[in-house]
Amino acid sequence: GTQLLVFQVSWIRKRDAHILTVDRYTFIADDRFQAFLVEATDTWTLQIKYVQARDAGQYECQVSTEPKMSHFITLNIVGPSPRKGWKDPVHMDLSSDRTLIIIKNKMFITTTFSLAVPKIEIMGESDIYVKTGSTVNLKCVITQSLEEPAYIFWYHDNERVLNYDPSTKDIRMERVGPDTTIGTLIIYDGRREDSGNYTCSPSNLDSASVLLHVLNGKCHT
């Protein structure tokens, strides 16, 4: 109710007991942190911009009633630093009942407090050996990604692979789940000159690479 507005609302980081904000005032020399009130719902929200791995841990929302009221939220950052996993800034708003994640001005609302860093890998071994004339399927799997990549580019020895001739190469991209995308490069009738480094490069992530070796299919005696 509106009575809550007469009390001070503080956000405290538990690992070092640092007071981050009191009402709209910020008490940390890190401008990624900001508190604001959503008046329509009387909800005080702590916003963390450009979320980093070191932001993981417990946060306490404390209200200066007598006795004081407090609510703890645990923020989990899963995987390596998101600064390496996302090319776009990620902002988080923490309140007592939801987390609002903003990526490139798109909003995702979740009731859990885990941020999973997107992962990218090309299925199979890092070195792939096939015989000439074989059909090669390279599958680039992106998981734990809230936002589907706008595109996935493939590169062969640093030159972009284009599928102008679908009889020799085909490029596909498919969203197979709420957080999973698969990009596929199909090489038909593989030739020796198709050997080399293949890199899968999505629009919103780091890249992954494999080495393809197309071997002469003839037997040597």
C-alpha atoms as a PDB file:
ATOM      1  CA  GLY A   1       0.000   0.000   0.000  1.00  0.00           C
ATOM      2  CA  THR A   2       0.966   3.676  -0.102  1.00  0.00           C
ATOM      3  CA  GLN A   3       2.014   3.600   3.574  1.00  0.00           C
ATOM      4  CA  LEU A   4       5.251   1.946   2.439  1.00  0.00           C
ATOM      5  CA  LEU A   5       6.324   5.209   0.827  1.00  0.00           C
ATOM      6  CA  VAL A   6       6.966   6.924   4.185  1.00  0.00           C
ATOM      7  CA  PHE A   7       9.718   4.439   5.027  1.00  0.00           C
ATOM      8  CA  GLN A   8      13.218   4.325   3.611  1.00  0.00           C
ATOM      9  CA  VAL A   9      13.973   1.468   1.249  1.00  0.00           C
ATOM     10  CA  SER A  10      17.589   0.340   1.020  1.00  0.00           C
ATOM     11  CA  TRP A  11      19.369  -2.157  -1.201  1.00  0.00           C
ATOM     12  CA  ILE A  12      22.417  -3.842   0.367  1.00  0.00           C
ATOM     13  CA  ARG A  13      24.976  -6.160  -1.216  1.00  0.00           C
ATOM     14  CA  LYS A  14      25.467  -8.959   1.275  1.00  0.00           C
ATOM     15  CA  ARG A  15      29.029 -10.082   0.423  1.00  0.00           C
ATOM     16  CA  ASP A  16      30.542  -6.826   1.681  1.00  0.00           C
ATOM     17  CA  ALA A  17      27.500  -5.314   3.488  1.00  0.00           C
ATOM     18  CA  HIS A  18      27.790  -2.342   1.112  1.00  0.00           C
ATOM     19  CA  ILE A  19      24.739  -0.081   1.072  1.00  0.00           C
ATOM     20  CA  LEU A  20      24.050   0.379  -2.625  1.00  0.00           C
ATOM     21  CA  THR A  21      21.035   2.670  -2.518  1.00  0.00           C
ATOM     22  CA  VAL A  22      18.652   4.331  -0.081  1.00  0.00           C
ATOM     23  CA  ASP A  23      15.443   5.367  -1.788  1.00  0.00           C
ATOM     24  CA  ARG A  24      16.611   7.080  -4.998  1.00  0.00           C
ATOM     25  CA  TYR A  25      20.076   7.941  -3.669  1.00  0.00           C
ATOM     26  CA  THR A  26      23.069   5.826  -4.686  1.00  0.00           C
ATOM     27  CA  PHE A  27      25.872   5.173  -2.189  1.00  0.00           C
ATOM     28  CA  ILE A  28      28.329   3.246  -4.337  1.00  0.00           C
ATOM     29  CA  ALA A  29      30.867   4.649  -6.787  1.00  0.00           C
ATOM     30  CA  ASP A  30      29.592   2.368  -9.537  1.00  0.00           C
ATOM     31  CA  ASP A  31      27.035   4.004 -11.785  1.00  0.00           C
ATOM     32  CA  ARG A  32      25.778   0.623 -12.976  1.00  0.00           C
ATOM     33  CA  PHE A  33      23.606   0.537  -9.828  1.00  0.00           C
ATOM     34  CA  GLN A  34      20.422   2.568  -9.564  1.00  0.00           C
ATOM     35  CA  ALA A  35      17.207   2.272  -7.560  1.00  0.00           C
ATOM     36  CA  PHE A  36      13.844   3.557  -8.680  1.00  0.00           C
ATOM     37  CA  LEU A  37      10.216   3.354  -7.612  1.00  0.00           C
ATOM     38  CA  VAL A  38       7.480   2.009  -9.850  1.00  0.00           C
ATOM     39  CA  GLU A  39       4.691   4.083  -8.326  1.00  0.00           C
ATOM     40  CA  ALA A  40       1.858   2.162  -9.962  1.00  0.00           C
ATOM     41  CA  THR A  41       2.821  -0.949  -8.000  1.00  0.00           C
ATOM     42  CA  ASP A  42       4.738   0.606  -5.059  1.00  0.00           C
ATOM     43  CA  THR A  43       7.699  -1.533  -6.076  1.00  0.00           C
ATOM     44  CA  TRP A  44      11.262  -0.433  -5.378  1.00  0.00           C
ATOM     45  CA  THR A  45      13.602  -1.890  -7.961  1.00  0.00           C
ATOM     46  CA  LEU A  46      17.387  -2.155  -8.036  1.00  0.00           C
ATOM     47  CA  GLN A  47      18.781  -1.939 -11.552  1.00  0.00           C
ATOM     48  CA  ILE A  48      22.204  -3.363 -12.397  1.00  0.00           C
ATOM     49  CA  LYS A  49      23.474  -2.335 -15.815  1.00  0.00           C
ATOM     50  CA  TYR A  50      26.122  -4.212 -17.801  1.00  0.00           C
ATOM     51  CA  VAL A  51      25.877  -7.265 -15.537  1.00  0.00           C
ATOM     52  CA  GLN A  52      29.198  -8.948 -14.764  1.00  0.00           C
ATOM     53  CA  ALA A  53      30.225 -12.201 -13.105  1.00  0.00           C
ATOM     54  CA  ARG A  54      31.309 -10.366  -9.942  1.00  0.00           C
ATOM     55  CA  ASP A  55      27.720  -9.160  -9.433  1.00  0.00           C
ATOM     56  CA  ALA A  56      26.653 -12.651  -8.380  1.00  0.00           C
ATOM     57  CA  GLY A  57      25.525 -13.126  -4.798  1.00  0.00           C
ATOM     58  CA  GLN A  58      22.822 -12.078  -2.374  1.00  0.00           C
ATOM     59  CA  TYR A  59      21.128  -8.685  -2.313  1.00  0.00           C
ATOM     60  CA  GLU A  60      18.907  -7.466   0.501  1.00  0.00           C
ATOM     61  CA  CYS A  61      15.975  -5.121   0.103  1.00  0.00           C
ATOM     62  CA  GLN A  62      15.487  -3.500   3.521  1.00  0.00           C
ATOM     63  CA  VAL A  63      12.568  -1.338   4.681  1.00  0.00           C
ATOM     64  CA  SER A  64      13.021   0.921   7.718  1.00  0.00           C
ATOM     65  CA  THR A  65       9.927  -0.227   9.573  1.00  0.00           C
ATOM     66  CA  GLU A  66      10.086  -1.162  13.263  1.00  0.00           C
ATOM     67  CA  PRO A  67      11.017  -3.953  13.353  1.00  0.00           C
ATOM     68  CA  LYS A  68      12.683  -3.677   9.965  1.00  0.00           C
ATOM     69  CA  MET A  69      11.486  -5.765   7.034  1.00  0.00           C
ATOM     70  CA  SER A  70      13.936  -7.341   4.635  1.00  0.00           C
ATOM     71  CA  HIS A  71      13.878  -9.587   1.595  1.00  0.00           C
ATOM     72  CA  PHE A  72      16.870 -11.420   0.136  1.00  0.00           C
ATOM     73  CA  ILE A  73      17.398 -12.108  -3.556  1.00  0.00           C
ATOM     74  CA  THR A  74      20.145 -14.369  -4.877  1.00  0.00           C
ATOM     75  CA  LEU A  75      21.570 -13.410  -8.249  1.00  0.00           C
ATOM     76  CA  ASN A  76      23.354 -16.267 -10.008  1.00  0.00           C
ATOM     77  CA  ILE A  77      25.630 -15.626 -12.967  1.00  0.00           C
ATOM     78  CA  VAL A  78      26.135 -18.953 -14.717  1.00  0.00           C
ATOM     79  CA  GLY A  79      29.297 -19.519 -16.749  1.00  0.00           C
ATOM     80  CA  PRO A  80      32.118 -17.135 -17.665  1.00  0.00           C
ATOM     81  CA  SER A  81      31.826 -13.379 -17.526  1.00  0.00           C
ATOM     82  CA  PRO A  82      28.805 -12.212 -19.541  1.00  0.00           C
ATOM     83  CA  ARG A  83      30.977  -9.420 -20.923  1.00  0.00           C
ATOM     84  CA  LYS A  84      32.661 -12.174 -22.952  1.00  0.00           C
ATOM     85  CA  GLY A  85      29.408 -13.953 -23.733  1.00  0.00           C
ATOM     86  CA  TRP A  86      27.282 -11.002 -24.860  1.00  0.00           C
ATOM     87  CA  LYS A  87      28.236  -8.359 -27.351  1.00  0.00           C
ATOM     88  CA  ASP A  88      25.220  -6.298 -26.260  1.00  0.00           C
ATOM     89  CA  PRO A  89      24.848  -4.780 -22.784  1.00  0.00           C
ATOM     90  CA  VAL A  90      22.618  -6.694 -20.408  1.00  0.00           C
ATOM     91  CA  HIS A  91      20.679  -4.832 -17.731  1.00  0.00           C
ATOM     92  CA  MET A  92      18.860  -6.447 -14.810  1.00  0.00           C
ATOM     93  CA  ASP A  93      16.133  -5.040 -12.598  1.00  0.00           C
ATOM     94  CA  LEU A  94      15.764  -6.871  -9.274  1.00  0.00           C
ATOM     95  CA  SER A  95      12.594  -6.566  -7.227  1.00  0.00           C
ATOM     96  CA  SER A  96      10.906  -8.860  -4.743  1.00  0.00           C
ATOM     97  CA  ASP A  97       8.843 -10.763  -7.285  1.00  0.00           C
ATOM     98  CA  ARG A  98      10.559 -10.737 -10.662  1.00  0.00           C
ATOM     99  CA  THR A  99      13.677 -10.046 -12.654  1.00  0.00           C
ATOM    100  CA  LEU A 100      13.481  -7.890 -15.750  1.00  0.00           C
ATOM    101  CA  ILE A 101      16.292  -8.476 -18.226  1.00  0.00           C
ATOM    102  CA  ILE A 102      16.768  -5.931 -21.001  1.00  0.00           C
ATOM    103  CA  ILE A 103      18.857  -6.836 -24.038  1.00  0.00           C
ATOM    104  CA  LYS A 104      18.975  -4.423 -26.971  1.00  0.00           C
ATOM    105  CA  ASN A 105      15.768  -2.766 -25.715  1.00  0.00           C
ATOM    106  CA  LYS A 106      13.894  -6.083 -25.719  1.00  0.00           C
ATOM    107  CA  MET A 107      12.494  -7.098 -22.346  1.00  0.00           C
ATOM    108  CA  PHE A 108      12.443 -10.568 -20.829  1.00  0.00           C
ATOM    109  CA  ILE A 109      10.643 -11.145 -17.523  1.00  0.00           C
ATOM    110  CA  THR A 110      11.549 -14.137 -15.384  1.00  0.00           C
ATOM    111  CA  THR A 111      10.692 -15.222 -11.866  1.00  0.00           C
ATOM    112  CA  THR A 112      14.096 -16.800 -11.335  1.00  0.00           C
ATOM    113  CA  PHE A 113      17.281 -14.919 -10.637  1.00  0.00           C
ATOM    114  CA  SER A 114      19.769 -16.774 -12.806  1.00  0.00           C
ATOM    115  CA  LEU A 115      21.475 -15.313 -15.827  1.00  0.00           C
ATOM    116  CA  ALA A 116      22.874 -18.039 -18.031  1.00  0.00           C
ATOM    117  CA  VAL A 117      25.704 -17.047 -20.325  1.00  0.00           C
ATOM    118  CA  PRO A 118      25.049 -18.152 -23.916  1.00  0.00           C
ATOM    119  CA  LYS A 119      27.211 -21.054 -25.071  1.00  0.00           C
ATOM    120  CA  ILE A 120      28.304 -21.826 -28.611  1.00  0.00           C
ATOM    121  CA  GLU A 121      29.905 -24.965 -29.993  1.00  0.00           C
ATOM    122  CA  ILE A 122      30.235 -26.840 -33.262  1.00  0.00           C
ATOM    123  CA  MET A 123      29.163 -30.420 -32.708  1.00  0.00           C
ATOM    124  CA  GLY A 124      31.754 -33.163 -32.993  1.00  0.00           C
ATOM    125  CA  GLU A 125      35.519 -33.143 -32.807  1.00  0.00           C
ATOM    126  CA  SER A 126      37.656 -30.044 -33.291  1.00  0.00           C
ATOM    127  CA  ASP A 127      39.273 -31.829 -36.269  1.00  0.00           C
ATOM    128  CA  ILE A 128      36.900 -33.490 -38.737  1.00  0.00           C
ATOM    129  CA  TYR A 129      38.177 -35.975 -41.339  1.00  0.00           C
ATOM    130  CA  VAL A 130      36.093 -36.956 -44.385  1.00  0.00           C
ATOM    131  CA  LYS A 131      36.770 -38.481 -47.799  1.00  0.00           C
ATOM    132  CA  THR A 132      36.382 -36.579 -51.045  1.00  0.00           C
ATOM    133  CA  GLY A 133      32.837 -36.761 -52.380  1.00  0.00           C
ATOM    134  CA  SER A 134      31.335 -36.874 -48.879  1.00  0.00           C
ATOM    135  CA  THR A 135      28.510 -34.655 -47.660  1.00  0.00           C
ATOM    136  CA  VAL A 136      29.655 -32.665 -44.627  1.00  0.00           C
ATOM    137  CA  ASN A 137      27.210 -31.351 -42.001  1.00  0.00           C
ATOM    138  CA  LEU A 138      28.645 -28.735 -39.628  1.00  0.00           C
ATOM    139  CA  LYS A 139      26.195 -27.931 -36.838  1.00  0.00           C
ATOM    140  CA  CYS A 140      26.719 -24.824 -34.729  1.00  0.00           C
ATOM    141  CA  VAL A 141      24.632 -25.080 -31.543  1.00  0.00           C
ATOM    142  CA  ILE A 142      23.876 -21.970 -29.480  1.00  0.00           C
ATOM    143  CA  THR A 143      22.288 -22.615 -26.075  1.00  0.00           C
ATOM    144  CA  GLN A 144      21.202 -20.505 -23.086  1.00  0.00           C
ATOM    145  CA  SER A 145      20.562 -17.567 -25.402  1.00  0.00           C
ATOM    146  CA  LEU A 146      17.507 -15.469 -24.546  1.00  0.00           C
ATOM    147  CA  GLU A 147      17.634 -13.731 -27.886  1.00  0.00           C
ATOM    148  CA  GLU A 148      17.769 -15.566 -31.193  1.00  0.00           C
ATOM    149  CA  PRO A 149      20.693 -14.340 -33.313  1.00  0.00           C
ATOM    150  CA  ALA A 150      19.633 -12.192 -36.251  1.00  0.00           C
ATOM    151  CA  TYR A 151      21.963 -14.244 -38.438  1.00  0.00           C
ATOM    152  CA  ILE A 152      24.746 -16.817 -38.312  1.00  0.00           C
ATOM    153  CA  PHE A 153      27.649 -16.298 -40.709  1.00  0.00           C
ATOM    154  CA  TRP A 154      30.048 -19.084 -41.645  1.00  0.00           C
ATOM    155  CA  TYR A 155      33.649 -18.420 -42.635  1.00  0.00           C
ATOM    156  CA  HIS A 156      36.083 -20.710 -44.459  1.00  0.00           C
ATOM    157  CA  ASP A 157      39.667 -19.642 -43.735  1.00  0.00           C
ATOM    158  CA  ASN A 158      38.375 -16.145 -42.849  1.00  0.00           C
ATOM    159  CA  GLU A 159      36.344 -15.775 -46.052  1.00  0.00           C
ATOM    160  CA  ARG A 160      32.581 -15.713 -45.656  1.00  0.00           C
ATOM    161  CA  VAL A 161      30.815 -18.781 -47.031  1.00  0.00           C
ATOM    162  CA  LEU A 162      27.989 -17.853 -49.410  1.00  0.00           C
ATOM    163  CA  ASN A 163      25.368 -20.313 -50.607  1.00  0.00           C
ATOM    164  CA  TYR A 164      24.812 -18.869 -54.053  1.00  0.00           C
ATOM    165  CA  ASP A 165      24.953 -22.388 -55.493  1.00  0.00           C
ATOM    166  CA  PRO A 166      22.722 -24.652 -53.341  1.00  0.00           C
ATOM    167  CA  SER A 167      24.045 -27.718 -55.163  1.00  0.00           C
ATOM    168  CA  THR A 168      27.443 -27.253 -53.498  1.00  0.00           C
ATOM    169  CA  LYS A 169      26.654 -25.571 -50.149  1.00  0.00           C
ATOM    170  CA  ASP A 170      23.580 -24.889 -48.044  1.00  0.00           C
ATOM    171  CA  ILE A 171      23.258 -22.691 -44.935  1.00  0.00           C
ATOM    172  CA  ARG A 172      20.356 -23.052 -42.505  1.00  0.00           C
ATOM    173  CA  MET A 173      19.333 -21.569 -39.150  1.00  0.00           C
ATOM    174  CA  GLU A 174      16.626 -22.984 -36.881  1.00  0.00           C
ATOM    175  CA  ARG A 175      15.290 -22.024 -33.453  1.00  0.00           C
ATOM    176  CA  VAL A 176      14.698 -25.363 -31.725  1.00  0.00           C
ATOM    177  CA  GLY A 177      13.718 -24.217 -28.226  1.00  0.00           C
ATOM    178  CA  PRO A 178      13.176 -21.140 -26.056  1.00  0.00           C
ATOM    179  CA  ASP A 179      16.931 -20.638 -25.686  1.00  0.00           C
ATOM    180  CA  THR A 180      18.530 -22.814 -28.391  1.00  0.00           C
ATOM    181  CA  THR A 181      19.420 -22.071 -32.022  1.00  0.00           C
ATOM    182  CA  ILE A 182      21.165 -24.388 -34.485  1.00  0.00           C
ATOM    183  CA  GLY A 183      23.017 -23.097 -37.521  1.00  0.00           C
ATOM    184  CA  THR A 184      23.969 -25.695 -40.133  1.00  0.00           C
ATOM    185  CA  LEU A 185      26.462 -25.547 -42.976  1.00  0.00           C
ATOM    186  CA  ILE A 186      26.099 -28.406 -45.465  1.00  0.00           C
ATOM    187  CA  ILE A 187      28.893 -29.043 -47.961  1.00  0.00           C
ATOM    188  CA  TYR A 188      27.896 -31.398 -50.779  1.00  0.00           C
ATOM    189  CA  ASP A 189      30.444 -33.525 -52.647  1.00  0.00           C
ATOM    190  CA  GLY A 190      33.368 -32.374 -50.504  1.00  0.00           C
ATOM    191  CA  ARG A 191      36.601 -31.585 -52.356  1.00  0.00           C
ATOM    192  CA  ARG A 192      40.189 -31.168 -51.199  1.00  0.00           C
ATOM    193  CA  GLU A 193      39.872 -27.385 -51.543  1.00  0.00           C
ATOM    194  CA  ASP A 194      37.021 -27.458 -49.005  1.00  0.00           C
ATOM    195  CA  SER A 195      39.566 -28.340 -46.321  1.00  0.00           C
ATOM    196  CA  GLY A 196      40.445 -25.679 -43.779  1.00  0.00           C
ATOM    197  CA  ASN A 197      39.144 -23.745 -40.798  1.00  0.00           C
ATOM    198  CA  TYR A 198      35.374 -23.237 -40.546  1.00  0.00           C
ATOM    199  CA  THR A 199      34.035 -20.617 -38.146  1.00  0.00           C
ATOM    200  CA  CYS A 200      30.447 -20.162 -37.010  1.00  0.00           C
ATOM    201  CA  SER A 201      29.830 -16.506 -36.118  1.00  0.00           C
ATOM    202  CA  PRO A 202      26.384 -15.482 -34.790  1.00  0.00           C
ATOM    203  CA  SER A 203      25.300 -11.845 -34.703  1.00  0.00           C
ATOM    204  CA  ASN A 204      25.167 -11.654 -30.901  1.00  0.00           C
ATOM    205  CA  LEU A 205      27.907 -14.008 -29.686  1.00  0.00           C
ATOM    206  CA  ASP A 206      31.519 -15.004 -29.902  1.00  0.00           C
ATOM    207  CA  SER A 207      32.430 -17.542 -32.582  1.00  0.00           C
ATOM    208  CA  ALA A 208      33.361 -21.240 -32.652  1.00  0.00           C
ATOM    209  CA  SER A 209      35.652 -23.037 -35.102  1.00  0.00           C
ATOM    210  CA  VAL A 210      36.589 -26.492 -36.382  1.00  0.00           C
ATOM    211  CA  LEU A 211      39.184 -27.805 -38.825  1.00  0.00           C
ATOM    212  CA  LEU A 212      37.877 -29.822 -41.768  1.00  0.00           C
ATOM    213  CA  HIS A 213      40.215 -32.243 -43.531  1.00  0.00           C
ATOM    214  CA  VAL A 214      38.943 -33.600 -46.857  1.00  0.00           C
ATOM    215  CA  LEU A 215      41.138 -36.575 -47.704  1.00  0.00           C
ATOM    216  CA  ASN A 216      41.670 -38.260 -51.031  1.00  0.00           C
ATOM    217  CA  GLY A 217      39.468 -41.346 -50.989  1.00  0.00           C
ATOM    218  CA  LYS A 218      41.874 -43.495 -53.001  1.00  0.00           C
ATOM    219  CA  CYS A 219      43.831 -46.235 -51.293  1.00  0.00           C
ATOM    220  CA  HIS A 220      47.611 -46.059 -51.428  1.00  0.00           C
ATOM    221  CA  THR A 221      49.738 -49.194 -51.562  1.00  0.00           C
END
